[in-house]
Amino acid sequence: MALLEEYFGGPSEPVMASGGRAPKATPIVAAAGEYVVSPAAVAKAGNGNLNRGHTALNAFVKQVRRRNIQRLKSLPGPKK
């Protein structure tokens, strides 16, 4: 979560559909480690451009994966 906050400044306010507020909250099922990024936050990551924001998010995911791969490679092998 700290890396997400470093990139995007933490969670944003809920985004409402053009039809307005729903009568009650609609829960979602997100996998462990999934994070919902609002369209406004995506655009912010792209300096106001949604497409550039998607590109920035893709780069972010690739960077996180590279860091995880490097960390896993540095761990000792299984104990025999």
PDB file of N, CA and C in Angstrom:
ATOM      1  N   MET A   1       0.831  -1.195   0.000  1.00  0.00           N
ATOM      2  CA  MET A   1       0.000   0.000   0.000  1.00  0.00           C
ATOM      3  C   MET A   1       0.869   1.251   0.000  1.00  0.00           C
ATOM      4  N   ALA A   2       2.023   1.211   0.645  1.00  0.00           N
ATOM      5  CA  ALA A   2       2.875   2.397   0.708  1.00  0.00           C
ATOM      6  C   ALA A   2       3.340   2.817  -0.679  1.00  0.00           C
ATOM      7  N   LEU A   3       3.632   1.836  -1.532  1.00  0.00           N
ATOM      8  CA  LEU A   3       4.069   2.160  -2.886  1.00  0.00           C
ATOM      9  C   LEU A   3       2.944   2.828  -3.666  1.00  0.00           C
ATOM     10  N   LEU A   4       1.709   2.363  -3.479  1.00  0.00           N
ATOM     11  CA  LEU A   4       0.563   2.997  -4.136  1.00  0.00           C
ATOM     12  C   LEU A   4       0.397   4.429  -3.661  1.00  0.00           C
ATOM     13  N   GLU A   5       0.550   4.641  -2.368  1.00  0.00           N
ATOM     14  CA  GLU A   5       0.428   5.996  -1.832  1.00  0.00           C
ATOM     15  C   GLU A   5       1.557   6.883  -2.349  1.00  0.00           C
ATOM     16  N   GLU A   6       2.746   6.296  -2.509  1.00  0.00           N
ATOM     17  CA  GLU A   6       3.875   7.046  -3.063  1.00  0.00           C
ATOM     18  C   GLU A   6       3.554   7.504  -4.487  1.00  0.00           C
ATOM     19  N   TYR A   7       2.950   6.631  -5.269  1.00  0.00           N
ATOM     20  CA  TYR A   7       2.629   6.955  -6.660  1.00  0.00           C
ATOM     21  C   TYR A   7       1.386   7.821  -6.797  1.00  0.00           C
ATOM     22  N   PHE A   8       0.339   7.500  -6.025  1.00  0.00           N
ATOM     23  CA  PHE A   8      -0.963   8.107  -6.265  1.00  0.00           C
ATOM     24  C   PHE A   8      -1.523   8.891  -5.092  1.00  0.00           C
ATOM     25  N   GLY A   9      -0.810   8.991  -3.990  1.00  0.00           N
ATOM     26  CA  GLY A   9      -1.263   9.804  -2.876  1.00  0.00           C
ATOM     27  C   GLY A   9      -2.352   9.179  -2.032  1.00  0.00           C
ATOM     28  N   GLY A  10      -2.539   7.878  -2.106  1.00  0.00           N
ATOM     29  CA  GLY A  10      -3.534   7.196  -1.278  1.00  0.00           C
ATOM     30  C   GLY A  10      -4.899   7.148  -1.918  1.00  0.00           C
ATOM     31  N   PRO A  11      -5.858   6.603  -1.190  1.00  0.00           N
ATOM     32  CA  PRO A  11      -7.202   6.427  -1.741  1.00  0.00           C
ATOM     33  C   PRO A  11      -7.869   7.757  -2.062  1.00  0.00           C
ATOM     34  N   SER A  12      -8.744   7.727  -3.051  1.00  0.00           N
ATOM     35  CA  SER A  12      -9.475   8.937  -3.422  1.00  0.00           C
ATOM     36  C   SER A  12     -10.917   8.821  -2.952  1.00  0.00           C
ATOM     37  N   GLU A  13     -11.650   9.886  -3.150  1.00  0.00           N
ATOM     38  CA  GLU A  13     -13.073   9.877  -2.813  1.00  0.00           C
ATOM     39  C   GLU A  13     -13.811   8.932  -3.756  1.00  0.00           C
ATOM     40  N   PRO A  14     -14.933   8.361  -3.312  1.00  0.00           N
ATOM     41  CA  PRO A  14     -15.702   7.488  -4.201  1.00  0.00           C
ATOM     42  C   PRO A  14     -16.141   8.239  -5.454  1.00  0.00           C
ATOM     43  N   VAL A  15     -16.171   7.525  -6.561  1.00  0.00           N
ATOM     44  CA  VAL A  15     -16.596   8.106  -7.830  1.00  0.00           C
ATOM     45  C   VAL A  15     -18.033   7.687  -8.084  1.00  0.00           C
ATOM     46  N   MET A  16     -18.888   8.657  -8.388  1.00  0.00           N
ATOM     47  CA  MET A  16     -20.300   8.369  -8.636  1.00  0.00           C
ATOM     48  C   MET A  16     -20.567   8.272 -10.135  1.00  0.00           C
ATOM     49  N   ALA A  17     -21.457   7.374 -10.501  1.00  0.00           N
ATOM     50  CA  ALA A  17     -21.882   7.254 -11.892  1.00  0.00           C
ATOM     51  C   ALA A  17     -22.693   8.481 -12.274  1.00  0.00           C
ATOM     52  N   SER A  18     -22.848   8.697 -13.568  1.00  0.00           N
ATOM     53  CA  SER A  18     -23.576   9.883 -14.019  1.00  0.00           C
ATOM     54  C   SER A  18     -25.026   9.875 -13.553  1.00  0.00           C
ATOM     55  N   GLY A  19     -25.565   8.703 -13.226  1.00  0.00           N
ATOM     56  CA  GLY A  19     -26.942   8.605 -12.739  1.00  0.00           C
ATOM     57  C   GLY A  19     -27.092   9.018 -11.290  1.00  0.00           C
ATOM     58  N   GLY A  20     -26.004   9.304 -10.617  1.00  0.00           N
ATOM     59  CA  GLY A  20     -26.071   9.728  -9.220  1.00  0.00           C
ATOM     60  C   GLY A  20     -25.780   8.594  -8.256  1.00  0.00           C
ATOM     61  N   ARG A  21     -26.015   8.873  -7.005  1.00  0.00           N
ATOM     62  CA  ARG A  21     -25.711   7.930  -5.929  1.00  0.00           C
ATOM     63  C   ARG A  21     -26.680   6.750  -5.956  1.00  0.00           C
ATOM     64  N   ALA A  22     -26.136   5.566  -5.752  1.00  0.00           N
ATOM     65  CA  ALA A  22     -26.965   4.359  -5.663  1.00  0.00           C
ATOM     66  C   ALA A  22     -27.666   4.351  -4.314  1.00  0.00           C
ATOM     67  N   PRO A  23     -28.800   3.638  -4.196  1.00  0.00           N
ATOM     68  CA  PRO A  23     -29.535   3.621  -2.930  1.00  0.00           C
ATOM     69  C   PRO A  23     -28.705   3.090  -1.760  1.00  0.00           C
ATOM     70  N   LYS A  24     -27.784   2.186  -2.033  1.00  0.00           N
ATOM     71  CA  LYS A  24     -26.912   1.670  -0.973  1.00  0.00           C
ATOM     72  C   LYS A  24     -25.580   1.273  -1.599  1.00  0.00           C
ATOM     73  N   ALA A  25     -24.602   1.088  -0.760  1.00  0.00           N
ATOM     74  CA  ALA A  25     -23.278   0.708  -1.249  1.00  0.00           C
ATOM     75  C   ALA A  25     -23.358  -0.636  -1.962  1.00  0.00           C
ATOM     76  N   THR A  26     -22.619  -0.756  -3.041  1.00  0.00           N
ATOM     77  CA  THR A  26     -22.576  -1.999  -3.793  1.00  0.00           C
ATOM     78  C   THR A  26     -21.211  -2.625  -3.579  1.00  0.00           C
ATOM     79  N   PRO A  27     -21.162  -3.725  -2.827  1.00  0.00           N
ATOM     80  CA  PRO A  27     -19.866  -4.337  -2.556  1.00  0.00           C
ATOM     81  C   PRO A  27     -19.297  -5.018  -3.802  1.00  0.00           C
ATOM     82  N   ILE A  28     -17.990  -5.107  -3.851  1.00  0.00           N
ATOM     83  CA  ILE A  28     -17.323  -5.850  -4.914  1.00  0.00           C
ATOM     84  C   ILE A  28     -16.463  -6.926  -4.272  1.00  0.00           C
ATOM     85  N   VAL A  29     -16.068  -7.894  -5.059  1.00  0.00           N
ATOM     86  CA  VAL A  29     -15.130  -8.902  -4.590  1.00  0.00           C
ATOM     87  C   VAL A  29     -13.813  -8.625  -5.295  1.00  0.00           C
ATOM     88  N   ALA A  30     -12.835  -8.191  -4.548  1.00  0.00           N
ATOM     89  CA  ALA A  30     -11.511  -7.913  -5.102  1.00  0.00           C
ATOM     90  C   ALA A  30     -10.548  -8.964  -4.572  1.00  0.00           C
ATOM     91  N   ALA A  31      -9.699  -9.442  -5.434  1.00  0.00           N
ATOM     92  CA  ALA A  31      -8.709 -10.432  -5.023  1.00  0.00           C
ATOM     93  C   ALA A  31      -7.707  -9.779  -4.073  1.00  0.00           C
ATOM     94  N   ALA A  32      -7.048 -10.601  -3.304  1.00  0.00           N
ATOM     95  CA  ALA A  32      -6.026 -10.091  -2.389  1.00  0.00           C
ATOM     96  C   ALA A  32      -4.993  -9.308  -3.186  1.00  0.00           C
ATOM     97  N   GLY A  33      -4.681  -8.132  -2.728  1.00  0.00           N
ATOM     98  CA  GLY A  33      -3.699  -7.302  -3.399  1.00  0.00           C
ATOM     99  C   GLY A  33      -4.263  -6.422  -4.497  1.00  0.00           C
ATOM    100  N   GLU A  34      -5.538  -6.593  -4.841  1.00  0.00           N
ATOM    101  CA  GLU A  34      -6.140  -5.728  -5.852  1.00  0.00           C
ATOM    102  C   GLU A  34      -6.444  -4.370  -5.246  1.00  0.00           C
ATOM    103  N   TYR A  35      -6.392  -3.373  -6.066  1.00  0.00           N
ATOM    104  CA  TYR A  35      -6.589  -2.007  -5.613  1.00  0.00           C
ATOM    105  C   TYR A  35      -7.421  -1.292  -6.665  1.00  0.00           C
ATOM    106  N   VAL A  36      -8.480  -0.635  -6.258  1.00  0.00           N
ATOM    107  CA  VAL A  36      -9.342   0.089  -7.184  1.00  0.00           C
ATOM    108  C   VAL A  36      -8.811   1.513  -7.326  1.00  0.00           C
ATOM    109  N   VAL A  37      -8.568   1.910  -8.564  1.00  0.00           N
ATOM    110  CA  VAL A  37      -8.068   3.253  -8.846  1.00  0.00           C
ATOM    111  C   VAL A  37      -9.149   3.994  -9.622  1.00  0.00           C
ATOM    112  N   SER A  38      -9.568   5.125  -9.109  1.00  0.00           N
ATOM    113  CA  SER A  38     -10.637   5.889  -9.757  1.00  0.00           C
ATOM    114  C   SER A  38     -10.149   6.472 -11.081  1.00  0.00           C
ATOM    115  N   PRO A  39     -11.075   6.739 -11.997  1.00  0.00           N
ATOM    116  CA  PRO A  39     -10.679   7.389 -13.253  1.00  0.00           C
ATOM    117  C   PRO A  39      -9.955   8.719 -13.018  1.00  0.00           C
ATOM    118  N   ALA A  40     -10.367   9.443 -12.002  1.00  0.00           N
ATOM    119  CA  ALA A  40      -9.702  10.719 -11.699  1.00  0.00           C
ATOM    120  C   ALA A  40      -8.245  10.489 -11.298  1.00  0.00           C
ATOM    121  N   ALA A  41      -7.995   9.437 -10.509  1.00  0.00           N
ATOM    122  CA  ALA A  41      -6.623   9.137 -10.095  1.00  0.00           C
ATOM    123  C   ALA A  41      -5.793   8.656 -11.281  1.00  0.00           C
ATOM    124  N   VAL A  42      -6.417   7.894 -12.195  1.00  0.00           N
ATOM    125  CA  VAL A  42      -5.706   7.448 -13.398  1.00  0.00           C
ATOM    126  C   VAL A  42      -5.313   8.661 -14.235  1.00  0.00           C
ATOM    127  N   ALA A  43      -6.250   9.577 -14.421  1.00  0.00           N
ATOM    128  CA  ALA A  43      -5.954  10.793 -15.181  1.00  0.00           C
ATOM    129  C   ALA A  43      -4.862  11.612 -14.490  1.00  0.00           C
ATOM    130  N   LYS A  44      -4.912  11.685 -13.172  1.00  0.00           N
ATOM    131  CA  LYS A  44      -3.895  12.429 -12.422  1.00  0.00           C
ATOM    132  C   LYS A  44      -2.511  11.815 -12.644  1.00  0.00           C
ATOM    133  N   ALA A  45      -2.455  10.476 -12.682  1.00  0.00           N
ATOM    134  CA  ALA A  45      -1.182   9.798 -12.930  1.00  0.00           C
ATOM    135  C   ALA A  45      -0.644  10.130 -14.317  1.00  0.00           C
ATOM    136  N   GLY A  46      -1.545  10.495 -15.231  1.00  0.00           N
ATOM    137  CA  GLY A  46      -1.155  10.880 -16.583  1.00  0.00           C
ATOM    138  C   GLY A  46      -1.157  12.375 -16.793  1.00  0.00           C
ATOM    139  N   ASN A  47      -1.006  13.145 -15.723  1.00  0.00           N
ATOM    140  CA  ASN A  47      -1.016  14.615 -15.798  1.00  0.00           C
ATOM    141  C   ASN A  47      -2.271  15.132 -16.495  1.00  0.00           C
ATOM    142  N   GLY A  48      -3.409  14.545 -16.123  1.00  0.00           N
ATOM    143  CA  GLY A  48      -4.684  14.997 -16.660  1.00  0.00           C
ATOM    144  C   GLY A  48      -5.161  14.229 -17.874  1.00  0.00           C
ATOM    145  N   ASN A  49      -4.351  13.308 -18.386  1.00  0.00           N
ATOM    146  CA  ASN A  49      -4.707  12.544 -19.578  1.00  0.00           C
ATOM    147  C   ASN A  49      -4.942  11.090 -19.189  1.00  0.00           C
ATOM    148  N   LEU A  50      -6.149  10.586 -19.447  1.00  0.00           N
ATOM    149  CA  LEU A  50      -6.510   9.228 -19.043  1.00  0.00           C
ATOM    150  C   LEU A  50      -5.635   8.179 -19.729  1.00  0.00           C
ATOM    151  N   ASN A  51      -5.365   8.348 -21.024  1.00  0.00           N
ATOM    152  CA  ASN A  51      -4.535   7.369 -21.736  1.00  0.00           C
ATOM    153  C   ASN A  51      -3.111   7.340 -21.195  1.00  0.00           C
ATOM    154  N   ARG A  52      -2.548   8.518 -20.934  1.00  0.00           N
ATOM    155  CA  ARG A  52      -1.204   8.552 -20.340  1.00  0.00           C
ATOM    156  C   ARG A  52      -1.233   7.967 -18.935  1.00  0.00           C
ATOM    157  N   GLY A  53      -2.351   8.147 -18.228  1.00  0.00           N
ATOM    158  CA  GLY A  53      -2.492   7.550 -16.902  1.00  0.00           C
ATOM    159  C   GLY A  53      -2.461   6.036 -16.961  1.00  0.00           C
ATOM    160  N   HIS A  54      -3.143   5.462 -17.959  1.00  0.00           N
ATOM    161  CA  HIS A  54      -3.102   4.005 -18.135  1.00  0.00           C
ATOM    162  C   HIS A  54      -1.677   3.537 -18.419  1.00  0.00           C
ATOM    163  N   THR A  55      -0.967   4.293 -19.234  1.00  0.00           N
ATOM    164  CA  THR A  55       0.424   3.960 -19.533  1.00  0.00           C
ATOM    165  C   THR A  55       1.266   4.022 -18.262  1.00  0.00           C
ATOM    166  N   ALA A  56       1.038   5.041 -17.440  1.00  0.00           N
ATOM    167  CA  ALA A  56       1.773   5.174 -16.180  1.00  0.00           C
ATOM    168  C   ALA A  56       1.457   4.017 -15.240  1.00  0.00           C
ATOM    169  N   LEU A  57       0.185   3.620 -15.180  1.00  0.00           N
ATOM    170  CA  LEU A  57      -0.190   2.495 -14.319  1.00  0.00           C
ATOM    171  C   LEU A  57       0.444   1.200 -14.805  1.00  0.00           C
ATOM    172  N   ASN A  58       0.471   0.995 -16.115  1.00  0.00           N
ATOM    173  CA  ASN A  58       1.119  -0.204 -16.650  1.00  0.00           C
ATOM    174  C   ASN A  58       2.593  -0.226 -16.280  1.00  0.00           C
ATOM    175  N   ALA A  59       3.260   0.922 -16.378  1.00  0.00           N
ATOM    176  CA  ALA A  59       4.668   1.008 -15.990  1.00  0.00           C
ATOM    177  C   ALA A  59       4.834   0.731 -14.500  1.00  0.00           C
ATOM    178  N   PHE A  60       3.901   1.234 -13.696  1.00  0.00           N
ATOM    179  CA  PHE A  60       3.922   1.001 -12.252  1.00  0.00           C
ATOM    180  C   PHE A  60       3.838  -0.496 -11.948  1.00  0.00           C
ATOM    181  N   VAL A  61       2.895  -1.188 -12.595  1.00  0.00           N
ATOM    182  CA  VAL A  61       2.725  -2.629 -12.366  1.00  0.00           C
ATOM    183  C   VAL A  61       3.993  -3.377 -12.765  1.00  0.00           C
ATOM    184  N   LYS A  62       4.573  -3.014 -13.901  1.00  0.00           N
ATOM    185  CA  LYS A  62       5.802  -3.678 -14.346  1.00  0.00           C
ATOM    186  C   LYS A  62       6.943  -3.438 -13.369  1.00  0.00           C
ATOM    187  N   GLN A  63       7.036  -2.214 -12.819  1.00  0.00           N
ATOM    188  CA  GLN A  63       8.087  -1.917 -11.849  1.00  0.00           C
ATOM    189  C   GLN A  63       7.903  -2.749 -10.583  1.00  0.00           C
ATOM    190  N   VAL A  64       6.672  -2.858 -10.104  1.00  0.00           N
ATOM    191  CA  VAL A  64       6.402  -3.651  -8.901  1.00  0.00           C
ATOM    192  C   VAL A  64       6.754  -5.110  -9.154  1.00  0.00           C
ATOM    193  N   ARG A  65       6.395  -5.618 -10.318  1.00  0.00           N
ATOM    194  CA  ARG A  65       6.731  -7.010 -10.653  1.00  0.00           C
ATOM    195  C   ARG A  65       8.240  -7.213 -10.689  1.00  0.00           C
ATOM    196  N   ARG A  66       8.970  -6.267 -11.321  1.00  0.00           N
ATOM    197  CA  ARG A  66      10.437  -6.380 -11.363  1.00  0.00           C
ATOM    198  C   ARG A  66      11.022  -6.395  -9.955  1.00  0.00           C
ATOM    199  N   ARG A  67      10.527  -5.511  -9.092  1.00  0.00           N
ATOM    200  CA  ARG A  67      11.024  -5.480  -7.701  1.00  0.00           C
ATOM    201  C   ARG A  67      10.753  -6.801  -6.994  1.00  0.00           C
ATOM    202  N   ASN A  68       9.558  -7.346  -7.191  1.00  0.00           N
ATOM    203  CA  ASN A  68       9.225  -8.618  -6.548  1.00  0.00           C
ATOM    204  C   ASN A  68      10.095  -9.746  -7.073  1.00  0.00           C
ATOM    205  N   ILE A  69      10.325  -9.784  -8.383  1.00  0.00           N
ATOM    206  CA  ILE A  69      11.174 -10.825  -8.964  1.00  0.00           C
ATOM    207  C   ILE A  69      12.583 -10.726  -8.397  1.00  0.00           C
ATOM    208  N   GLN A  70      13.141  -9.520  -8.328  1.00  0.00           N
ATOM    209  CA  GLN A  70      14.486  -9.347  -7.780  1.00  0.00           C
ATOM    210  C   GLN A  70      14.543  -9.769  -6.314  1.00  0.00           C
ATOM    211  N   ARG A  71      13.515  -9.424  -5.562  1.00  0.00           N
ATOM    212  CA  ARG A  71      13.483  -9.809  -4.147  1.00  0.00           C
ATOM    213  C   ARG A  71      13.423 -11.322  -4.012  1.00  0.00           C
ATOM    214  N   LEU A  72      12.590 -11.968  -4.812  1.00  0.00           N
ATOM    215  CA  LEU A  72      12.465 -13.422  -4.743  1.00  0.00           C
ATOM    216  C   LEU A  72      13.757 -14.110  -5.172  1.00  0.00           C
ATOM    217  N   LYS A  73      14.444 -13.551  -6.159  1.00  0.00           N
ATOM    218  CA  LYS A  73      15.711 -14.136  -6.607  1.00  0.00           C
ATOM    219  C   LYS A  73      16.778 -14.052  -5.524  1.00  0.00           C
ATOM    220  N   SER A  74      16.681 -13.049  -4.665  1.00  0.00           N
ATOM    221  CA  SER A  74      17.702 -12.868  -3.630  1.00  0.00           C
ATOM    222  C   SER A  74      17.464 -13.744  -2.399  1.00  0.00           C
ATOM    223  N   LEU A  75      16.302 -14.376  -2.320  1.00  0.00           N
ATOM    224  CA  LEU A  75      16.008 -15.228  -1.167  1.00  0.00           C
ATOM    225  C   LEU A  75      16.774 -16.543  -1.270  1.00  0.00           C
ATOM    226  N   PRO A  76      17.107 -17.139  -0.125  1.00  0.00           N
ATOM    227  CA  PRO A  76      17.786 -18.437  -0.171  1.00  0.00           C
ATOM    228  C   PRO A  76      16.839 -19.508  -0.716  1.00  0.00           C
ATOM    229  N   GLY A  77      17.433 -20.534  -1.296  1.00  0.00           N
ATOM    230  CA  GLY A  77      16.643 -21.643  -1.829  1.00  0.00           C
ATOM    231  C   GLY A  77      16.009 -22.452  -0.705  1.00  0.00           C
ATOM    232  N   PRO A  78      15.228 -23.465  -1.072  1.00  0.00           N
ATOM    233  CA  PRO A  78      14.580 -24.297  -0.047  1.00  0.00           C
ATOM    234  C   PRO A  78      15.611 -25.061   0.778  1.00  0.00           C
ATOM    235  N   LYS A  79      15.293 -25.266   2.020  1.00  0.00           N
ATOM    236  CA  LYS A  79      16.181 -26.001   2.915  1.00  0.00           C
ATOM    237  C   LYS A  79      16.084 -27.484   2.594  1.00  0.00           C
ATOM    238  N   LYS A  80      17.240 -28.135   2.524  1.00  0.00           N
ATOM    239  CA  LYS A  80      17.263 -29.575   2.202  1.00  0.00           C
ATOM    240  C   LYS A  80      17.487 -30.400   3.429  1.00  0.00           C
TER     241      LYS A  80
END
